[in-house]
Amino acid sequence: MTLVDPATGEATATYPREWGGVPTSSADPTLQLKLLRLRPGGWRDSVVRLSLPDDLVAHDRVGHL
């Protein structure tokens, strides 16, 4: 699957088709960064933040990120 910017026609992301009986995630954290910046609480609740190593998230909790 290829996602295309409708304004420019530029491909923004490409994902291979996955087959199987197990649910998969096609969430691409890099595509979420701009939206996270705009949404109140977006960073705190994001898949991106949840995927970070625990020591980096702990650093974030003290207000450094």
C-alpha atoms as a PDB file:
ATOM      1  CA  MET A   1       0.000   0.000   0.000  1.00  0.00           C
ATOM      2  CA  THR A   2       1.313   3.462  -0.851  1.00  0.00           C
ATOM      3  CA  LEU A   3       0.024   6.642   0.796  1.00  0.00           C
ATOM      4  CA  VAL A   4       0.115   9.685  -1.479  1.00  0.00           C
ATOM      5  CA  ASP A   5      -0.125  13.384  -0.656  1.00  0.00           C
ATOM      6  CA  PRO A   6      -3.188  14.508  -2.659  1.00  0.00           C
ATOM      7  CA  ALA A   7      -1.824  18.036  -3.094  1.00  0.00           C
ATOM      8  CA  THR A   8       1.513  17.036  -4.617  1.00  0.00           C
ATOM      9  CA  GLY A   9       1.072  13.435  -5.726  1.00  0.00           C
ATOM     10  CA  GLU A  10       4.205  12.581  -3.744  1.00  0.00           C
ATOM     11  CA  ALA A  11       4.339   9.163  -2.078  1.00  0.00           C
ATOM     12  CA  THR A  12       4.601   9.772   1.681  1.00  0.00           C
ATOM     13  CA  ALA A  13       4.810   6.166   2.895  1.00  0.00           C
ATOM     14  CA  THR A  14       4.786   2.648   1.482  1.00  0.00           C
ATOM     15  CA  TYR A  15       3.800  -0.453   3.414  1.00  0.00           C
ATOM     16  CA  PRO A  16       4.149  -4.055   2.241  1.00  0.00           C
ATOM     17  CA  ARG A  17       1.014  -6.168   2.215  1.00  0.00           C
ATOM     18  CA  GLU A  18       1.056  -8.554   5.166  1.00  0.00           C
ATOM     19  CA  TRP A  19      -0.791 -11.853   5.213  1.00  0.00           C
ATOM     20  CA  GLY A  20      -1.529 -14.078   8.152  1.00  0.00           C
ATOM     21  CA  GLY A  21      -3.862 -14.866  10.983  1.00  0.00           C
ATOM     22  CA  VAL A  22      -2.313 -12.501  13.517  1.00  0.00           C
ATOM     23  CA  PRO A  23      -3.360  -8.837  13.801  1.00  0.00           C
ATOM     24  CA  THR A  24      -0.629  -6.387  12.821  1.00  0.00           C
ATOM     25  CA  SER A  25      -0.109  -2.661  13.264  1.00  0.00           C
ATOM     26  CA  SER A  26       0.586  -0.386  10.337  1.00  0.00           C
ATOM     27  CA  ALA A  27       1.085   2.678  12.529  1.00  0.00           C
ATOM     28  CA  ASP A  28       4.084   4.669  11.330  1.00  0.00           C
ATOM     29  CA  PRO A  29       5.260   6.877  14.211  1.00  0.00           C
ATOM     30  CA  THR A  30       7.000   9.334  11.887  1.00  0.00           C
ATOM     31  CA  LEU A  31       3.681  10.235  10.285  1.00  0.00           C
ATOM     32  CA  GLN A  32       2.199  11.020  13.699  1.00  0.00           C
ATOM     33  CA  LEU A  33       4.747  13.583  14.921  1.00  0.00           C
ATOM     34  CA  LYS A  34       3.122  16.685  13.416  1.00  0.00           C
ATOM     35  CA  LEU A  35      -0.302  15.714  14.759  1.00  0.00           C
ATOM     36  CA  LEU A  36       1.143  14.955  18.199  1.00  0.00           C
ATOM     37  CA  ARG A  37       2.502  18.465  18.383  1.00  0.00           C
ATOM     38  CA  LEU A  38      -0.926  19.965  17.673  1.00  0.00           C
ATOM     39  CA  ARG A  39      -3.132  17.802  19.902  1.00  0.00           C
ATOM     40  CA  PRO A  40      -3.284  18.499  23.655  1.00  0.00           C
ATOM     41  CA  GLY A  41      -1.998  15.390  25.442  1.00  0.00           C
ATOM     42  CA  GLY A  42      -1.047  13.887  22.092  1.00  0.00           C
ATOM     43  CA  TRP A  43       2.573  13.190  22.996  1.00  0.00           C
ATOM     44  CA  ARG A  44       1.715  11.791  26.420  1.00  0.00           C
ATOM     45  CA  ASP A  45      -0.802   9.308  24.967  1.00  0.00           C
ATOM     46  CA  SER A  46       1.002   8.486  21.719  1.00  0.00           C
ATOM     47  CA  VAL A  47       2.136   5.150  20.312  1.00  0.00           C
ATOM     48  CA  VAL A  48       5.434   6.883  19.550  1.00  0.00           C
ATOM     49  CA  ARG A  49       6.096   7.644  23.214  1.00  0.00           C
ATOM     50  CA  LEU A  50       4.976   4.185  24.283  1.00  0.00           C
ATOM     51  CA  SER A  51       7.523   2.650  21.897  1.00  0.00           C
ATOM     52  CA  LEU A  52      10.452   4.553  23.461  1.00  0.00           C
ATOM     53  CA  PRO A  53      12.861   2.863  25.883  1.00  0.00           C
ATOM     54  CA  ASP A  54      11.833   3.141  29.544  1.00  0.00           C
ATOM     55  CA  ASP A  55      14.853   5.257  30.531  1.00  0.00           C
ATOM     56  CA  LEU A  56      14.014   7.848  27.871  1.00  0.00           C
ATOM     57  CA  VAL A  57      10.353   7.980  28.959  1.00  0.00           C
ATOM     58  CA  ALA A  58      11.511   8.416  32.570  1.00  0.00           C
ATOM     59  CA  HIS A  59      13.622  11.375  31.390  1.00  0.00           C
ATOM     60  CA  ASP A  60      10.506  12.766  29.712  1.00  0.00           C
ATOM     61  CA  ARG A  61       8.508  12.503  32.955  1.00  0.00           C
ATOM     62  CA  VAL A  62      10.783  15.010  34.642  1.00  0.00           C
ATOM     63  CA  GLY A  63      10.065  17.530  31.900  1.00  0.00           C
ATOM     64  CA  HIS A  64      13.114  17.301  29.672  1.00  0.00           C
ATOM     65  CA  LEU A  65      11.371  16.204  26.462  1.00  0.00           C
END
